[in-house]
Amino acid sequence: MSFGTARPVLADVSCRIREGEFVALLGPSGCGKSTFLRLVAGLMSPAAGTLTMHGMAPSIARRGKRRVAFVFQEPNLLPWRTVADNIRLPLELQKVPSREHAERIVKSLQLIGLTKDDAKKRPRNLSGGMRMRVSLARALVTLPDVLLMDEPFAALDDVLRQQLNEDLVRIWMQHHWTSLFVTHNVAEAVFLSQRVLVMNKRPGTIVAEIPIPFSYPREPGLRADPEFARLCGELSLRLREAAR
């Protein structure tokens, strides 16, 4: 992928993600992780090469009712809408019958740990963590087959980030959508995923694939496991090498 005559953002990227798999994408800043996510989402088309989802181009797969949801780095909530109406937005855009809205919104709120009272609030009345939970609920209300997340917890403190990682694992275990999760945080990548793909600096390409051997569910105590520390150390080394 390149923009005009500039140096390519991505070059010779090659990977395969299985249906229902949770994969983390790790790499130095500016290596093209977010661009890769947007290509998978069908928001852009590659300048060369082939990218398929269930054997089709992402944009065609979406038209064939393969539901793809995207959680961005910022919550991007509409300030004039309540929490419930922010979650409702993709249902409106997809022309889901209005009779289905209420039940799906309530279920999404329950999944991410918010209440009916929270549903009436506006974004300005929410903490940063709650706003990100609403952003996640807005993606989940679409019942996605594929969930793409671009550093959604990067701006949160470490304790809250860990809690949301645990919540995300719990939700993924219930629904098993295919997930591609972009992060700079090595421990986050190890805790969440079944595999970690490491990208090098621009032009970005995948230089390492590290399998994560831990079974699910993943409890908070996993972070104190010696094998967890070893994998974090290995990935940190790969990341430093990729940034050179």
C-alpha atoms as a PDB file:
ATOM      1  CA  MET A   1       0.000   0.000   0.000  1.00  0.00           C
ATOM      2  CA  SER A   2       1.316   3.437  -0.924  1.00  0.00           C
ATOM      3  CA  PHE A   3      -0.076   6.943  -1.174  1.00  0.00           C
ATOM      4  CA  GLY A   4       0.895   8.611  -4.434  1.00  0.00           C
ATOM      5  CA  THR A   5       4.603   8.523  -5.199  1.00  0.00           C
ATOM      6  CA  ALA A   6       5.661   8.394  -1.551  1.00  0.00           C
ATOM      7  CA  ARG A   7       7.572   5.485  -0.070  1.00  0.00           C
ATOM      8  CA  PRO A   8       5.198   2.508   0.426  1.00  0.00           C
ATOM      9  CA  VAL A   9       3.473   2.254   3.788  1.00  0.00           C
ATOM     10  CA  LEU A  10       3.156  -1.533   3.465  1.00  0.00           C
ATOM     11  CA  ALA A  11       5.186  -3.919   1.305  1.00  0.00           C
ATOM     12  CA  ASP A  12       5.019  -7.701   0.895  1.00  0.00           C
ATOM     13  CA  VAL A  13       2.649  -8.198   3.822  1.00  0.00           C
ATOM     14  CA  SER A  14       1.583 -11.835   3.922  1.00  0.00           C
ATOM     15  CA  CYS A  15      -0.587 -13.490   6.571  1.00  0.00           C
ATOM     16  CA  ARG A  16      -3.669 -15.641   7.034  1.00  0.00           C
ATOM     17  CA  ILE A  17      -6.137 -15.270   9.900  1.00  0.00           C
ATOM     18  CA  ARG A  18      -8.477 -18.150  10.640  1.00  0.00           C
ATOM     19  CA  GLU A  19     -12.164 -17.673  11.329  1.00  0.00           C
ATOM     20  CA  GLY A  20     -12.788 -17.135  15.048  1.00  0.00           C
ATOM     21  CA  GLU A  21      -9.122 -16.464  15.806  1.00  0.00           C
ATOM     22  CA  PHE A  22      -7.837 -13.620  18.004  1.00  0.00           C
ATOM     23  CA  VAL A  23      -4.661 -12.119  16.526  1.00  0.00           C
ATOM     24  CA  ALA A  24      -2.682  -9.155  17.828  1.00  0.00           C
ATOM     25  CA  LEU A  25      -0.655  -6.909  15.524  1.00  0.00           C
ATOM     26  CA  LEU A  26       2.394  -5.344  17.137  1.00  0.00           C
ATOM     27  CA  GLY A  27       4.906  -2.935  15.637  1.00  0.00           C
ATOM     28  CA  PRO A  28       6.740   0.390  16.010  1.00  0.00           C
ATOM     29  CA  SER A  29       4.912   3.669  15.421  1.00  0.00           C
ATOM     30  CA  GLY A  30       4.427   4.503  11.754  1.00  0.00           C
ATOM     31  CA  CYS A  31       4.904   0.944  10.472  1.00  0.00           C
ATOM     32  CA  GLY A  32       1.445   0.812   8.875  1.00  0.00           C
ATOM     33  CA  LYS A  33      -0.568  -1.164  11.438  1.00  0.00           C
ATOM     34  CA  SER A  34      -3.582   1.151  11.241  1.00  0.00           C
ATOM     35  CA  THR A  35      -3.366   1.235   7.443  1.00  0.00           C
ATOM     36  CA  PHE A  36      -3.397  -2.563   7.377  1.00  0.00           C
ATOM     37  CA  LEU A  37      -6.492  -2.589   9.591  1.00  0.00           C
ATOM     38  CA  ARG A  38      -8.275  -0.162   7.266  1.00  0.00           C
ATOM     39  CA  LEU A  39      -7.437  -2.375   4.285  1.00  0.00           C
ATOM     40  CA  VAL A  40      -8.918  -5.394   6.071  1.00  0.00           C
ATOM     41  CA  ALA A  41     -12.017  -3.312   6.867  1.00  0.00           C
ATOM     42  CA  GLY A  42     -12.417  -2.457   3.190  1.00  0.00           C
ATOM     43  CA  LEU A  43     -12.068   1.267   3.914  1.00  0.00           C
ATOM     44  CA  MET A  44      -9.199   1.356   1.393  1.00  0.00           C
ATOM     45  CA  SER A  45      -7.988  -0.909  -1.400  1.00  0.00           C
ATOM     46  CA  PRO A  46      -4.403  -2.187  -1.699  1.00  0.00           C
ATOM     47  CA  ALA A  47      -2.256  -0.709  -4.446  1.00  0.00           C
ATOM     48  CA  ALA A  48      -1.027  -4.200  -5.341  1.00  0.00           C
ATOM     49  CA  GLY A  49      -1.535  -7.772  -4.232  1.00  0.00           C
ATOM     50  CA  THR A  50      -4.626  -9.618  -3.061  1.00  0.00           C
ATOM     51  CA  LEU A  51      -6.624  -9.279   0.153  1.00  0.00           C
ATOM     52  CA  THR A  52      -9.619 -11.540   0.713  1.00  0.00           C
ATOM     53  CA  MET A  53     -12.171 -12.188   3.431  1.00  0.00           C
ATOM     54  CA  HIS A  54     -13.933 -15.546   3.097  1.00  0.00           C
ATOM     55  CA  GLY A  55     -12.557 -15.709  -0.452  1.00  0.00           C
ATOM     56  CA  MET A  56     -13.852 -12.268  -1.462  1.00  0.00           C
ATOM     57  CA  ALA A  57     -12.567  -8.712  -1.394  1.00  0.00           C
ATOM     58  CA  PRO A  58     -13.540  -7.125   1.970  1.00  0.00           C
ATOM     59  CA  SER A  59     -15.978  -4.683   0.364  1.00  0.00           C
ATOM     60  CA  ILE A  60     -17.754  -7.527  -1.476  1.00  0.00           C
ATOM     61  CA  ALA A  61     -17.749  -9.690   1.661  1.00  0.00           C
ATOM     62  CA  ARG A  62     -19.521  -6.890   3.523  1.00  0.00           C
ATOM     63  CA  ARG A  63     -22.160  -6.637   0.807  1.00  0.00           C
ATOM     64  CA  GLY A  64     -22.580 -10.393   1.199  1.00  0.00           C
ATOM     65  CA  LYS A  65     -23.582  -9.742   4.832  1.00  0.00           C
ATOM     66  CA  ARG A  66     -20.225 -10.520   6.429  1.00  0.00           C
ATOM     67  CA  ARG A  67     -20.434  -8.016   9.264  1.00  0.00           C
ATOM     68  CA  VAL A  68     -17.226  -6.113  10.043  1.00  0.00           C
ATOM     69  CA  ALA A  69     -17.003  -3.752  13.029  1.00  0.00           C
ATOM     70  CA  PHE A  70     -14.193  -1.275  13.744  1.00  0.00           C
ATOM     71  CA  VAL A  71     -13.176   0.173  17.125  1.00  0.00           C
ATOM     72  CA  PHE A  72     -10.922   3.211  16.668  1.00  0.00           C
ATOM     73  CA  GLN A  73      -8.270   4.689  18.963  1.00  0.00           C
ATOM     74  CA  GLU A  74     -10.708   7.414  20.040  1.00  0.00           C
ATOM     75  CA  PRO A  75     -14.295   6.639  21.103  1.00  0.00           C
ATOM     76  CA  ASN A  76     -15.667   9.152  18.546  1.00  0.00           C
ATOM     77  CA  LEU A  77     -19.044   9.388  20.267  1.00  0.00           C
ATOM     78  CA  LEU A  78     -21.597  11.949  19.089  1.00  0.00           C
ATOM     79  CA  PRO A  79     -21.849  14.438  21.980  1.00  0.00           C
ATOM     80  CA  TRP A  80     -25.523  15.320  21.365  1.00  0.00           C
ATOM     81  CA  ARG A  81     -26.615  11.668  21.548  1.00  0.00           C
ATOM     82  CA  THR A  82     -27.136   9.611  24.686  1.00  0.00           C
ATOM     83  CA  VAL A  83     -25.150   6.424  25.261  1.00  0.00           C
ATOM     84  CA  ALA A  84     -28.070   4.343  23.959  1.00  0.00           C
ATOM     85  CA  ASP A  85     -28.437   6.499  20.843  1.00  0.00           C
ATOM     86  CA  ASN A  86     -24.700   6.332  20.133  1.00  0.00           C
ATOM     87  CA  ILE A  87     -24.915   2.545  20.277  1.00  0.00           C
ATOM     88  CA  ARG A  88     -28.018   2.688  18.057  1.00  0.00           C
ATOM     89  CA  LEU A  89     -26.214   4.584  15.270  1.00  0.00           C
ATOM     90  CA  PRO A  90     -24.837   1.602  13.272  1.00  0.00           C
ATOM     91  CA  LEU A  91     -28.244  -0.099  13.462  1.00  0.00           C
ATOM     92  CA  GLU A  92     -29.771   2.997  11.869  1.00  0.00           C
ATOM     93  CA  LEU A  93     -27.086   3.104   9.182  1.00  0.00           C
ATOM     94  CA  GLN A  94     -27.591  -0.582   8.415  1.00  0.00           C
ATOM     95  CA  LYS A  95     -31.377  -0.083   8.346  1.00  0.00           C
ATOM     96  CA  VAL A  96     -31.956  -2.741  11.013  1.00  0.00           C
ATOM     97  CA  PRO A  97     -35.698  -2.764  11.863  1.00  0.00           C
ATOM     98  CA  SER A  98     -36.336  -0.390  14.770  1.00  0.00           C
ATOM     99  CA  ARG A  99     -38.220  -3.078  16.708  1.00  0.00           C
ATOM    100  CA  GLU A 100     -34.879  -4.890  17.168  1.00  0.00           C
ATOM    101  CA  HIS A 101     -32.966  -1.881  18.476  1.00  0.00           C
ATOM    102  CA  ALA A 102     -33.921  -1.870  22.156  1.00  0.00           C
ATOM    103  CA  GLU A 103     -33.082  -5.508  22.840  1.00  0.00           C
ATOM    104  CA  ARG A 104     -29.761  -5.367  21.001  1.00  0.00           C
ATOM    105  CA  ILE A 105     -28.736  -2.149  22.771  1.00  0.00           C
ATOM    106  CA  VAL A 106     -29.542  -3.627  26.198  1.00  0.00           C
ATOM    107  CA  LYS A 107     -27.551  -6.771  25.408  1.00  0.00           C
ATOM    108  CA  SER A 108     -24.561  -4.706  24.253  1.00  0.00           C
ATOM    109  CA  LEU A 109     -24.680  -2.604  27.424  1.00  0.00           C
ATOM    110  CA  GLN A 110     -24.754  -5.741  29.552  1.00  0.00           C
ATOM    111  CA  LEU A 111     -21.811  -7.237  27.679  1.00  0.00           C
ATOM    112  CA  ILE A 112     -19.551  -4.273  28.386  1.00  0.00           C
ATOM    113  CA  GLY A 113     -20.703  -3.756  31.989  1.00  0.00           C
ATOM    114  CA  LEU A 114     -22.920  -0.652  31.731  1.00  0.00           C
ATOM    115  CA  THR A 115     -26.455  -0.240  33.083  1.00  0.00           C
ATOM    116  CA  LYS A 116     -29.777   1.152  31.860  1.00  0.00           C
ATOM    117  CA  ASP A 117     -29.049   4.309  33.852  1.00  0.00           C
ATOM    118  CA  ASP A 118     -25.745   4.686  31.981  1.00  0.00           C
ATOM    119  CA  ALA A 119     -27.696   4.405  28.725  1.00  0.00           C
ATOM    120  CA  LYS A 120     -29.378   7.757  29.420  1.00  0.00           C
ATOM    121  CA  LYS A 121     -26.119   9.673  29.927  1.00  0.00           C
ATOM    122  CA  ARG A 122     -24.308  11.774  27.367  1.00  0.00           C
ATOM    123  CA  PRO A 123     -20.597  11.317  26.551  1.00  0.00           C
ATOM    124  CA  ARG A 124     -19.558  14.388  28.583  1.00  0.00           C
ATOM    125  CA  ASN A 125     -20.851  12.637  31.725  1.00  0.00           C
ATOM    126  CA  LEU A 126     -18.693   9.539  31.186  1.00  0.00           C
ATOM    127  CA  SER A 127     -15.139   8.715  32.213  1.00  0.00           C
ATOM    128  CA  GLY A 128     -12.577   7.833  29.549  1.00  0.00           C
ATOM    129  CA  GLY A 129     -12.991   4.147  30.319  1.00  0.00           C
ATOM    130  CA  MET A 130     -16.777   4.321  30.064  1.00  0.00           C
ATOM    131  CA  ARG A 131     -16.578   6.164  26.738  1.00  0.00           C
ATOM    132  CA  MET A 132     -14.378   3.395  25.357  1.00  0.00           C
ATOM    133  CA  ARG A 133     -16.814   0.777  26.654  1.00  0.00           C
ATOM    134  CA  VAL A 134     -19.586   2.564  24.751  1.00  0.00           C
ATOM    135  CA  SER A 135     -17.438   2.560  21.610  1.00  0.00           C
ATOM    136  CA  LEU A 136     -16.987  -1.195  22.013  1.00  0.00           C
ATOM    137  CA  ALA A 137     -20.724  -1.694  22.605  1.00  0.00           C
ATOM    138  CA  ARG A 138     -21.460   0.303  19.437  1.00  0.00           C
ATOM    139  CA  ALA A 139     -19.328  -2.204  17.499  1.00  0.00           C
ATOM    140  CA  LEU A 140     -20.771  -5.282  19.212  1.00  0.00           C
ATOM    141  CA  VAL A 141     -24.401  -4.237  18.637  1.00  0.00           C
ATOM    142  CA  THR A 142     -23.877  -5.048  14.949  1.00  0.00           C
ATOM    143  CA  LEU A 143     -23.209  -8.731  15.844  1.00  0.00           C
ATOM    144  CA  PRO A 144     -19.922  -8.715  13.906  1.00  0.00           C
ATOM    145  CA  ASP A 145     -18.251 -11.657  12.221  1.00  0.00           C
ATOM    146  CA  VAL A 146     -14.982  -9.710  12.261  1.00  0.00           C
ATOM    147  CA  LEU A 147     -13.969  -7.175  14.930  1.00  0.00           C
ATOM    148  CA  LEU A 148     -11.055  -4.839  14.132  1.00  0.00           C
ATOM    149  CA  MET A 149      -9.581  -2.804  17.001  1.00  0.00           C
ATOM    150  CA  ASP A 150      -7.004  -0.058  16.574  1.00  0.00           C
ATOM    151  CA  GLU A 151      -5.327   0.519  19.964  1.00  0.00           C
ATOM    152  CA  PRO A 152      -8.679   1.093  21.693  1.00  0.00           C
ATOM    153  CA  PHE A 153      -7.242   1.145  25.227  1.00  0.00           C
ATOM    154  CA  ALA A 154      -4.037   3.100  24.575  1.00  0.00           C
ATOM    155  CA  ALA A 155      -5.149   6.267  26.406  1.00  0.00           C
ATOM    156  CA  LEU A 156      -6.304   4.483  29.581  1.00  0.00           C
ATOM    157  CA  ASP A 157      -4.395   3.925  32.812  1.00  0.00           C
ATOM    158  CA  ASP A 158      -2.840   0.498  33.284  1.00  0.00           C
ATOM    159  CA  VAL A 159      -5.324  -0.821  35.864  1.00  0.00           C
ATOM    160  CA  LEU A 160      -8.339   0.083  33.719  1.00  0.00           C
ATOM    161  CA  ARG A 161      -6.616  -1.229  30.615  1.00  0.00           C
ATOM    162  CA  GLN A 162      -6.067  -4.598  32.266  1.00  0.00           C
ATOM    163  CA  GLN A 163      -9.715  -4.738  33.363  1.00  0.00           C
ATOM    164  CA  LEU A 164     -10.932  -3.996  29.846  1.00  0.00           C
ATOM    165  CA  ASN A 165      -8.566  -6.633  28.450  1.00  0.00           C
ATOM    166  CA  GLU A 166     -10.158  -9.177  30.800  1.00  0.00           C
ATOM    167  CA  ASP A 167     -13.643  -8.035  29.786  1.00  0.00           C
ATOM    168  CA  LEU A 168     -12.720  -8.294  26.101  1.00  0.00           C
ATOM    169  CA  VAL A 169     -11.489 -11.872  26.534  1.00  0.00           C
ATOM    170  CA  ARG A 170     -14.731 -12.761  28.335  1.00  0.00           C
ATOM    171  CA  ILE A 171     -16.868 -11.288  25.544  1.00  0.00           C
ATOM    172  CA  TRP A 172     -14.784 -12.875  22.778  1.00  0.00           C
ATOM    173  CA  MET A 173     -15.173 -16.290  24.440  1.00  0.00           C
ATOM    174  CA  GLN A 174     -18.956 -15.885  24.255  1.00  0.00           C
ATOM    175  CA  HIS A 175     -19.100 -14.862  20.588  1.00  0.00           C
ATOM    176  CA  HIS A 176     -15.804 -15.923  18.950  1.00  0.00           C
ATOM    177  CA  TRP A 177     -15.763 -13.284  16.239  1.00  0.00           C
ATOM    178  CA  THR A 178     -12.549 -13.119  14.249  1.00  0.00           C
ATOM    179  CA  SER A 179     -10.462 -10.398  15.872  1.00  0.00           C
ATOM    180  CA  LEU A 180      -7.470  -8.365  14.727  1.00  0.00           C
ATOM    181  CA  PHE A 181      -6.181  -6.144  17.536  1.00  0.00           C
ATOM    182  CA  VAL A 182      -3.545  -3.447  16.944  1.00  0.00           C
ATOM    183  CA  THR A 183      -1.476  -2.429  19.967  1.00  0.00           C
ATOM    184  CA  HIS A 184       1.892  -1.046  21.066  1.00  0.00           C
ATOM    185  CA  ASN A 185       1.585  -2.826  24.424  1.00  0.00           C
ATOM    186  CA  VAL A 186       3.463  -6.136  24.543  1.00  0.00           C
ATOM    187  CA  ALA A 187       1.716  -7.461  27.675  1.00  0.00           C
ATOM    188  CA  GLU A 188      -1.677  -6.609  26.184  1.00  0.00           C
ATOM    189  CA  ALA A 189      -0.846  -8.515  22.997  1.00  0.00           C
ATOM    190  CA  VAL A 190       0.233 -11.609  24.967  1.00  0.00           C
ATOM    191  CA  PHE A 191      -2.751 -11.534  27.329  1.00  0.00           C
ATOM    192  CA  LEU A 192      -5.395 -11.215  24.611  1.00  0.00           C
ATOM    193  CA  SER A 193      -4.287 -13.162  21.598  1.00  0.00           C
ATOM    194  CA  GLN A 194      -3.650 -16.629  20.227  1.00  0.00           C
ATOM    195  CA  ARG A 195      -0.938 -15.304  17.902  1.00  0.00           C
ATOM    196  CA  VAL A 196       1.058 -12.078  17.726  1.00  0.00           C
ATOM    197  CA  LEU A 197       2.221 -10.745  14.360  1.00  0.00           C
ATOM    198  CA  VAL A 198       5.186  -8.358  14.557  1.00  0.00           C
ATOM    199  CA  MET A 199       5.680  -5.689  11.889  1.00  0.00           C
ATOM    200  CA  ASN A 200       8.879  -3.819  11.140  1.00  0.00           C
ATOM    201  CA  LYS A 201       9.222  -0.109  10.457  1.00  0.00           C
ATOM    202  CA  ARG A 202       8.091   1.502   7.222  1.00  0.00           C
ATOM    203  CA  PRO A 203       7.544   0.073   4.738  1.00  0.00           C
ATOM    204  CA  GLY A 204       5.762  -2.289   7.069  1.00  0.00           C
ATOM    205  CA  THR A 205       5.852  -6.009   6.613  1.00  0.00           C
ATOM    206  CA  ILE A 206       5.344  -8.935   8.966  1.00  0.00           C
ATOM    207  CA  VAL A 207       8.709 -10.123  10.263  1.00  0.00           C
ATOM    208  CA  ALA A 208       7.697 -12.496  13.049  1.00  0.00           C
ATOM    209  CA  GLU A 209       4.769 -14.651  14.170  1.00  0.00           C
ATOM    210  CA  ILE A 210       4.706 -15.693  17.826  1.00  0.00           C
ATOM    211  CA  PRO A 211       2.129 -18.277  18.973  1.00  0.00           C
ATOM    212  CA  ILE A 212       0.685 -17.699  22.457  1.00  0.00           C
ATOM    213  CA  PRO A 213       0.234 -21.070  24.207  1.00  0.00           C
ATOM    214  CA  PHE A 214      -2.116 -20.100  27.048  1.00  0.00           C
ATOM    215  CA  SER A 215      -5.629 -21.523  27.129  1.00  0.00           C
ATOM    216  CA  TYR A 216      -8.780 -19.485  27.730  1.00  0.00           C
ATOM    217  CA  PRO A 217     -10.209 -18.068  29.905  1.00  0.00           C
ATOM    218  CA  ARG A 218      -7.235 -15.918  30.852  1.00  0.00           C
ATOM    219  CA  GLU A 219      -7.277 -14.887  34.472  1.00  0.00           C
ATOM    220  CA  PRO A 220      -5.517 -11.825  35.927  1.00  0.00           C
ATOM    221  CA  GLY A 221      -2.949 -14.075  37.623  1.00  0.00           C
ATOM    222  CA  LEU A 222      -1.620 -15.077  34.192  1.00  0.00           C
ATOM    223  CA  ARG A 223       0.357 -11.838  34.135  1.00  0.00           C
ATOM    224  CA  ALA A 224       2.521 -13.196  36.982  1.00  0.00           C
ATOM    225  CA  ASP A 225       3.292 -16.471  35.168  1.00  0.00           C
ATOM    226  CA  PRO A 226       7.006 -16.939  34.271  1.00  0.00           C
ATOM    227  CA  GLU A 227       6.059 -18.052  30.746  1.00  0.00           C
ATOM    228  CA  PHE A 228       4.028 -14.866  30.314  1.00  0.00           C
ATOM    229  CA  ALA A 229       7.108 -12.845  31.286  1.00  0.00           C
ATOM    230  CA  ARG A 230       9.294 -14.846  28.902  1.00  0.00           C
ATOM    231  CA  LEU A 231       6.943 -14.236  25.969  1.00  0.00           C
ATOM    232  CA  CYS A 232       6.754 -10.519  26.799  1.00  0.00           C
ATOM    233  CA  GLY A 233      10.554 -10.426  26.824  1.00  0.00           C
ATOM    234  CA  GLU A 234      10.789 -12.214  23.469  1.00  0.00           C
ATOM    235  CA  LEU A 235       8.246  -9.891  21.874  1.00  0.00           C
ATOM    236  CA  SER A 236       9.946  -6.804  23.326  1.00  0.00           C
ATOM    237  CA  LEU A 237      13.211  -7.944  21.731  1.00  0.00           C
ATOM    238  CA  ARG A 238      11.492  -8.560  18.373  1.00  0.00           C
ATOM    239  CA  LEU A 239       9.877  -5.142  18.589  1.00  0.00           C
ATOM    240  CA  ARG A 240      13.216  -3.405  19.229  1.00  0.00           C
ATOM    241  CA  GLU A 241      14.754  -5.256  16.303  1.00  0.00           C
ATOM    242  CA  ALA A 242      11.816  -4.264  14.075  1.00  0.00           C
ATOM    243  CA  ALA A 243      12.235  -0.582  14.996  1.00  0.00           C
ATOM    244  CA  ARG A 244      15.886  -0.397  13.847  1.00  0.00           C
END
